[in-house]
Structures are given as structure tokens and as C-alpha cells.
Amino acid sequence: MIRDGETGILCAIGDIPGMAAGSLEILQDKKHWAEMSKLAAEDARERFSRDAIVTKYESLYQRSLPIPTS
């Protein structure tokens, strides 16, 4: 979901100091925060739009559900 360094910062599970440092890095630089926030919103709209998600679900259903035979 997150693109490390572009739409957020990724840390290992349980890396509380890393999460705190990453949060401070973003929040202490208003320009960086604004750019990252804008990219994250654009990325979410693009990758998780209704059309994109419906297409992915339809594809998943077609691969997963048995085709009825008559």
C-alpha cells in the first residue's frame, strides 16, 4: 500500500523507534509532508478507484469460482 519514501515510510513490524523517527521526519518538514500527502492521495485514488477495484474483484471471482456446467 505504501510506497516507501514516496507516499509514506515503511518500517519493520514492531520498530517503534523507526516509526517515531519516520513520523518526525515527515511532520517536521511541511513541504515534505505536503508533497508526500499529495502523492499518497493521488496514488490511492488511482490504485483504489472504484473502477480499478471492481475490475480486480471481477478477475478474482472469475479465477476463484467454479464455472457452472449444464
PDB file of N, CA and C in Angstrom:
ATOM      1  N   MET A   1       0.813  -1.186   0.000  1.00  0.00           N
ATOM      2  CA  MET A   1       0.000   0.000   0.000  1.00  0.00           C
ATOM      3  C   MET A   1       0.870   1.269   0.000  1.00  0.00           C
ATOM      4  N   ILE A   2       1.876   1.252   0.828  1.00  0.00           N
ATOM      5  CA  ILE A   2       2.753   2.418   0.958  1.00  0.00           C
ATOM      6  C   ILE A   2       3.936   2.254   0.028  1.00  0.00           C
ATOM      7  N   ARG A   3       4.281   3.312  -0.644  1.00  0.00           N
ATOM      8  CA  ARG A   3       5.491   3.341  -1.459  1.00  0.00           C
ATOM      9  C   ARG A   3       6.547   4.067  -0.635  1.00  0.00           C
ATOM     10  N   ASP A   4       7.477   3.290  -0.120  1.00  0.00           N
ATOM     11  CA  ASP A   4       8.459   3.786   0.836  1.00  0.00           C
ATOM     12  C   ASP A   4       9.202   5.007   0.299  1.00  0.00           C
ATOM     13  N   GLY A   5       9.130   6.086   1.074  1.00  0.00           N
ATOM     14  CA  GLY A   5       9.813   7.312   0.707  1.00  0.00           C
ATOM     15  C   GLY A   5       9.023   8.203  -0.236  1.00  0.00           C
ATOM     16  N   GLU A   6       7.933   7.684  -0.799  1.00  0.00           N
ATOM     17  CA  GLU A   6       7.109   8.477  -1.718  1.00  0.00           C
ATOM     18  C   GLU A   6       5.762   8.831  -1.093  1.00  0.00           C
ATOM     19  N   THR A   7       5.048   7.786  -0.628  1.00  0.00           N
ATOM     20  CA  THR A   7       3.723   8.013  -0.059  1.00  0.00           C
ATOM     21  C   THR A   7       3.685   7.723   1.439  1.00  0.00           C
ATOM     22  N   GLY A   8       4.837   7.442   1.996  1.00  0.00           N
ATOM     23  CA  GLY A   8       4.952   7.146   3.412  1.00  0.00           C
ATOM     24  C   GLY A   8       6.310   6.540   3.689  1.00  0.00           C
ATOM     25  N   ILE A   9       6.479   6.063   4.890  1.00  0.00           N
ATOM     26  CA  ILE A   9       7.741   5.434   5.274  1.00  0.00           C
ATOM     27  C   ILE A   9       7.417   4.065   5.855  1.00  0.00           C
ATOM     28  N   LEU A  10       8.109   3.061   5.362  1.00  0.00           N
ATOM     29  CA  LEU A  10       7.907   1.701   5.855  1.00  0.00           C
ATOM     30  C   LEU A  10       8.949   1.356   6.901  1.00  0.00           C
ATOM     31  N   CYS A  11       8.495   0.650   7.916  1.00  0.00           N
ATOM     32  CA  CYS A  11       9.370   0.174   8.981  1.00  0.00           C
ATOM     33  C   CYS A  11       9.031  -1.281   9.249  1.00  0.00           C
ATOM     34  N   ALA A  12       9.959  -1.975   9.844  1.00  0.00           N
ATOM     35  CA  ALA A  12       9.712  -3.360  10.225  1.00  0.00           C
ATOM     36  C   ALA A  12       8.639  -3.411  11.302  1.00  0.00           C
ATOM     37  N   ILE A  13       7.917  -4.528  11.335  1.00  0.00           N
ATOM     38  CA  ILE A  13       6.904  -4.718  12.377  1.00  0.00           C
ATOM     39  C   ILE A  13       7.570  -4.611  13.739  1.00  0.00           C
ATOM     40  N   GLY A  14       6.982  -3.778  14.587  1.00  0.00           N
ATOM     41  CA  GLY A  14       7.498  -3.607  15.938  1.00  0.00           C
ATOM     42  C   GLY A  14       8.616  -2.595  16.075  1.00  0.00           C
ATOM     43  N   ASP A  15       9.021  -1.978  14.977  1.00  0.00           N
ATOM     44  CA  ASP A  15      10.113  -0.989  15.034  1.00  0.00           C
ATOM     45  C   ASP A  15       9.556   0.365  15.464  1.00  0.00           C
ATOM     46  N   ILE A  16       9.238   0.464  16.732  1.00  0.00           N
ATOM     47  CA  ILE A  16       8.637   1.690  17.271  1.00  0.00           C
ATOM     48  C   ILE A  16       9.581   2.884  17.116  1.00  0.00           C
ATOM     49  N   PRO A  17      10.865   2.758  17.437  1.00  0.00           N
ATOM     50  CA  PRO A  17      11.767   3.901  17.238  1.00  0.00           C
ATOM     51  C   PRO A  17      11.823   4.335  15.763  1.00  0.00           C
ATOM     52  N   GLY A  18      11.824   3.366  14.850  1.00  0.00           N
ATOM     53  CA  GLY A  18      11.837   3.695  13.421  1.00  0.00           C
ATOM     54  C   GLY A  18      10.566   4.413  12.994  1.00  0.00           C
ATOM     55  N   MET A  19       9.421   3.948  13.508  1.00  0.00           N
ATOM     56  CA  MET A  19       8.146   4.600  13.190  1.00  0.00           C
ATOM     57  C   MET A  19       8.120   6.035  13.720  1.00  0.00           C
ATOM     58  N   ALA A  20       8.610   6.203  14.936  1.00  0.00           N
ATOM     59  CA  ALA A  20       8.645   7.547  15.532  1.00  0.00           C
ATOM     60  C   ALA A  20       9.572   8.454  14.731  1.00  0.00           C
ATOM     61  N   ALA A  21      10.742   7.946  14.360  1.00  0.00           N
ATOM     62  CA  ALA A  21      11.701   8.751  13.591  1.00  0.00           C
ATOM     63  C   ALA A  21      11.125   9.107  12.221  1.00  0.00           C
ATOM     64  N   GLY A  22      10.483   8.137  11.569  1.00  0.00           N
ATOM     65  CA  GLY A  22       9.877   8.401  10.260  1.00  0.00           C
ATOM     66  C   GLY A  22       8.773   9.432  10.349  1.00  0.00           C
ATOM     67  N   SER A  23       7.950   9.310  11.381  1.00  0.00           N
ATOM     68  CA  SER A  23       6.864  10.281  11.571  1.00  0.00           C
ATOM     69  C   SER A  23       7.417  11.681  11.795  1.00  0.00           C
ATOM     70  N   LEU A  24       8.420  11.778  12.650  1.00  0.00           N
ATOM     71  CA  LEU A  24       9.013  13.093  12.912  1.00  0.00           C
ATOM     72  C   LEU A  24       9.659  13.673  11.663  1.00  0.00           C
ATOM     73  N   GLU A  25      10.315  12.812  10.886  1.00  0.00           N
ATOM     74  CA  GLU A  25      10.956  13.272   9.645  1.00  0.00           C
ATOM     75  C   GLU A  25       9.928  13.915   8.713  1.00  0.00           C
ATOM     76  N   ILE A  26       8.791  13.278   8.580  1.00  0.00           N
ATOM     77  CA  ILE A  26       7.744  13.808   7.697  1.00  0.00           C
ATOM     78  C   ILE A  26       7.109  15.058   8.301  1.00  0.00           C
ATOM     79  N   LEU A  27       6.727  14.981   9.557  1.00  0.00           N
ATOM     80  CA  LEU A  27       5.960  16.065  10.180  1.00  0.00           C
ATOM     81  C   LEU A  27       6.768  17.328  10.454  1.00  0.00           C
ATOM     82  N   GLN A  28       8.088  17.210  10.556  1.00  0.00           N
ATOM     83  CA  GLN A  28       8.900  18.389  10.841  1.00  0.00           C
ATOM     84  C   GLN A  28       9.235  19.199   9.589  1.00  0.00           C
ATOM     85  N   ASP A  29       8.900  18.682   8.438  1.00  0.00           N
ATOM     86  CA  ASP A  29       9.175  19.385   7.187  1.00  0.00           C
ATOM     87  C   ASP A  29       7.855  19.554   6.439  1.00  0.00           C
ATOM     88  N   LYS A  30       7.262  20.740   6.559  1.00  0.00           N
ATOM     89  CA  LYS A  30       5.928  20.972   5.988  1.00  0.00           C
ATOM     90  C   LYS A  30       5.882  20.722   4.486  1.00  0.00           C
ATOM     91  N   LYS A  31       6.946  21.092   3.780  1.00  0.00           N
ATOM     92  CA  LYS A  31       6.971  20.879   2.332  1.00  0.00           C
ATOM     93  C   LYS A  31       6.988  19.382   2.022  1.00  0.00           C
ATOM     94  N   HIS A  32       7.834  18.648   2.716  1.00  0.00           N
ATOM     95  CA  HIS A  32       7.919  17.191   2.545  1.00  0.00           C
ATOM     96  C   HIS A  32       6.574  16.548   2.873  1.00  0.00           C
ATOM     97  N   TRP A  33       5.967  16.947   3.977  1.00  0.00           N
ATOM     98  CA  TRP A  33       4.670  16.423   4.390  1.00  0.00           C
ATOM     99  C   TRP A  33       3.618  16.690   3.318  1.00  0.00           C
ATOM    100  N   ALA A  34       3.574  17.914   2.809  1.00  0.00           N
ATOM    101  CA  ALA A  34       2.580  18.274   1.798  1.00  0.00           C
ATOM    102  C   ALA A  34       2.777  17.465   0.519  1.00  0.00           C
ATOM    103  N   GLU A  35       4.024  17.326   0.076  1.00  0.00           N
ATOM    104  CA  GLU A  35       4.306  16.562  -1.143  1.00  0.00           C
ATOM    105  C   GLU A  35       3.940  15.094  -0.966  1.00  0.00           C
ATOM    106  N   MET A  36       4.326  14.519   0.177  1.00  0.00           N
ATOM    107  CA  MET A  36       4.034  13.110   0.436  1.00  0.00           C
ATOM    108  C   MET A  36       2.525  12.887   0.554  1.00  0.00           C
ATOM    109  N   SER A  37       1.845  13.811   1.208  1.00  0.00           N
ATOM    110  CA  SER A  37       0.391  13.704   1.351  1.00  0.00           C
ATOM    111  C   SER A  37      -0.303  13.777   0.002  1.00  0.00           C
ATOM    112  N   LYS A  38       0.140  14.686  -0.853  1.00  0.00           N
ATOM    113  CA  LYS A  38      -0.451  14.828  -2.178  1.00  0.00           C
ATOM    114  C   LYS A  38      -0.229  13.551  -2.996  1.00  0.00           C
ATOM    115  N   LEU A  39       0.999  13.033  -2.985  1.00  0.00           N
ATOM    116  CA  LEU A  39       1.291  11.798  -3.718  1.00  0.00           C
ATOM    117  C   LEU A  39       0.481  10.625  -3.190  1.00  0.00           C
ATOM    118  N   ALA A  40       0.342  10.535  -1.873  1.00  0.00           N
ATOM    119  CA  ALA A  40      -0.408   9.432  -1.273  1.00  0.00           C
ATOM    120  C   ALA A  40      -1.876   9.490  -1.682  1.00  0.00           C
ATOM    121  N   ALA A  41      -2.456  10.673  -1.673  1.00  0.00           N
ATOM    122  CA  ALA A  41      -3.862  10.823  -2.071  1.00  0.00           C
ATOM    123  C   ALA A  41      -4.052  10.477  -3.539  1.00  0.00           C
ATOM    124  N   GLU A  42      -3.163  10.977  -4.392  1.00  0.00           N
ATOM    125  CA  GLU A  42      -3.253  10.678  -5.825  1.00  0.00           C
ATOM    126  C   GLU A  42      -3.093   9.184  -6.083  1.00  0.00           C
ATOM    127  N   ASP A  43      -2.130   8.564  -5.398  1.00  0.00           N
ATOM    128  CA  ASP A  43      -1.867   7.143  -5.561  1.00  0.00           C
ATOM    129  C   ASP A  43      -3.083   6.320  -5.129  1.00  0.00           C
ATOM    130  N   ALA A  44      -3.674   6.680  -4.004  1.00  0.00           N
ATOM    131  CA  ALA A  44      -4.849   5.955  -3.508  1.00  0.00           C
ATOM    132  C   ALA A  44      -6.019   6.090  -4.474  1.00  0.00           C
ATOM    133  N   ARG A  45      -6.242   7.296  -4.994  1.00  0.00           N
ATOM    134  CA  ARG A  45      -7.338   7.491  -5.957  1.00  0.00           C
ATOM    135  C   ARG A  45      -7.127   6.660  -7.214  1.00  0.00           C
ATOM    136  N   GLU A  46      -5.881   6.584  -7.657  1.00  0.00           N
ATOM    137  CA  GLU A  46      -5.576   5.855  -8.887  1.00  0.00           C
ATOM    138  C   GLU A  46      -5.657   4.343  -8.677  1.00  0.00           C
ATOM    139  N   ARG A  47      -4.983   3.838  -7.665  1.00  0.00           N
ATOM    140  CA  ARG A  47      -4.899   2.385  -7.480  1.00  0.00           C
ATOM    141  C   ARG A  47      -6.140   1.776  -6.861  1.00  0.00           C
ATOM    142  N   PHE A  48      -6.911   2.567  -6.128  1.00  0.00           N
ATOM    143  CA  PHE A  48      -8.059   2.017  -5.415  1.00  0.00           C
ATOM    144  C   PHE A  48      -9.374   2.652  -5.829  1.00  0.00           C
ATOM    145  N   SER A  49      -9.418   3.196  -7.039  1.00  0.00           N
ATOM    146  CA  SER A  49     -10.668   3.758  -7.542  1.00  0.00           C
ATOM    147  C   SER A  49     -11.694   2.637  -7.686  1.00  0.00           C
ATOM    148  N   ARG A  50     -12.937   3.009  -7.755  1.00  0.00           N
ATOM    149  CA  ARG A  50     -13.999   2.016  -7.910  1.00  0.00           C
ATOM    150  C   ARG A  50     -13.760   1.155  -9.141  1.00  0.00           C
ATOM    151  N   ASP A  51     -13.437   1.776 -10.260  1.00  0.00           N
ATOM    152  CA  ASP A  51     -13.227   1.013 -11.493  1.00  0.00           C
ATOM    153  C   ASP A  51     -12.072   0.029 -11.353  1.00  0.00           C
ATOM    154  N   ALA A  52     -10.978   0.468 -10.762  1.00  0.00           N
ATOM    155  CA  ALA A  52      -9.816  -0.407 -10.605  1.00  0.00           C
ATOM    156  C   ALA A  52     -10.139  -1.571  -9.674  1.00  0.00           C
ATOM    157  N   ILE A  53     -10.812  -1.299  -8.584  1.00  0.00           N
ATOM    158  CA  ILE A  53     -11.120  -2.345  -7.611  1.00  0.00           C
ATOM    159  C   ILE A  53     -12.152  -3.323  -8.166  1.00  0.00           C
ATOM    160  N   VAL A  54     -13.193  -2.814  -8.818  1.00  0.00           N
ATOM    161  CA  VAL A  54     -14.221  -3.706  -9.371  1.00  0.00           C
ATOM    162  C   VAL A  54     -13.591  -4.648 -10.391  1.00  0.00           C
ATOM    163  N   THR A  55     -12.724  -4.134 -11.230  1.00  0.00           N
ATOM    164  CA  THR A  55     -12.052  -4.969 -12.223  1.00  0.00           C
ATOM    165  C   THR A  55     -11.231  -6.059 -11.545  1.00  0.00           C
ATOM    166  N   LYS A  56     -10.528  -5.709 -10.478  1.00  0.00           N
ATOM    167  CA  LYS A  56      -9.716  -6.697  -9.763  1.00  0.00           C
ATOM    168  C   LYS A  56     -10.592  -7.750  -9.093  1.00  0.00           C
ATOM    169  N   TYR A  57     -11.707  -7.319  -8.481  1.00  0.00           N
ATOM    170  CA  TYR A  57     -12.616  -8.284  -7.864  1.00  0.00           C
ATOM    171  C   TYR A  57     -13.229  -9.215  -8.907  1.00  0.00           C
ATOM    172  N   GLU A  58     -13.649  -8.658 -10.038  1.00  0.00           N
ATOM    173  CA  GLU A  58     -14.228  -9.488 -11.092  1.00  0.00           C
ATOM    174  C   GLU A  58     -13.219 -10.541 -11.563  1.00  0.00           C
ATOM    175  N   SER A  59     -11.990 -10.124 -11.734  1.00  0.00           N
ATOM    176  CA  SER A  59     -10.945 -11.051 -12.151  1.00  0.00           C
ATOM    177  C   SER A  59     -10.729 -12.141 -11.093  1.00  0.00           C
ATOM    178  N   LEU A  60     -10.701 -11.755  -9.833  1.00  0.00           N
ATOM    179  CA  LEU A  60     -10.539 -12.711  -8.746  1.00  0.00           C
ATOM    180  C   LEU A  60     -11.692 -13.704  -8.732  1.00  0.00           C
ATOM    181  N   TYR A  61     -12.921 -13.207  -8.858  1.00  0.00           N
ATOM    182  CA  TYR A  61     -14.094 -14.091  -8.864  1.00  0.00           C
ATOM    183  C   TYR A  61     -14.034 -15.067 -10.029  1.00  0.00           C
ATOM    184  N   GLN A  62     -13.648 -14.590 -11.192  1.00  0.00           N
ATOM    185  CA  GLN A  62     -13.584 -15.454 -12.364  1.00  0.00           C
ATOM    186  C   GLN A  62     -12.550 -16.570 -12.175  1.00  0.00           C
ATOM    187  N   ARG A  63     -11.448 -16.257 -11.521  1.00  0.00           N
ATOM    188  CA  ARG A  63     -10.408 -17.269 -11.277  1.00  0.00           C
ATOM    189  C   ARG A  63     -10.781 -18.207 -10.133  1.00  0.00           C
ATOM    190  N   SER A  64     -11.560 -17.728  -9.187  1.00  0.00           N
ATOM    191  CA  SER A  64     -11.825 -18.483  -7.953  1.00  0.00           C
ATOM    192  C   SER A  64     -13.085 -19.323  -7.979  1.00  0.00           C
ATOM    193  N   LEU A  65     -14.121 -18.838  -8.622  1.00  0.00           N
ATOM    194  CA  LEU A  65     -15.406 -19.533  -8.580  1.00  0.00           C
ATOM    195  C   LEU A  65     -15.489 -20.575  -9.694  1.00  0.00           C
ATOM    196  N   PRO A  66     -16.044 -21.727  -9.371  1.00  0.00           N
ATOM    197  CA  PRO A  66     -16.188 -22.739 -10.422  1.00  0.00           C
ATOM    198  C   PRO A  66     -17.195 -22.276 -11.482  1.00  0.00           C
ATOM    199  N   ILE A  67     -16.922 -22.653 -12.696  1.00  0.00           N
ATOM    200  CA  ILE A  67     -17.824 -22.306 -13.793  1.00  0.00           C
ATOM    201  C   ILE A  67     -18.906 -23.374 -13.837  1.00  0.00           C
ATOM    202  N   PRO A  68     -20.180 -22.965 -13.723  1.00  0.00           N
ATOM    203  CA  PRO A  68     -21.260 -23.954 -13.747  1.00  0.00           C
ATOM    204  C   PRO A  68     -21.348 -24.638 -15.109  1.00  0.00           C
ATOM    205  N   THR A  69     -21.585 -25.921 -15.074  1.00  0.00           N
ATOM    206  CA  THR A  69     -21.788 -26.666 -16.317  1.00  0.00           C
ATOM    207  C   THR A  69     -23.221 -27.163 -16.363  1.00  0.00           C
ATOM    208  N   SER A  70     -23.804 -27.076 -17.525  1.00  0.00           N
ATOM    209  CA  SER A  70     -25.204 -27.506 -17.663  1.00  0.00           C
ATOM    210  C   SER A  70     -25.302 -28.758 -18.479  1.00  0.00           C
TER     211      SER A  70
END
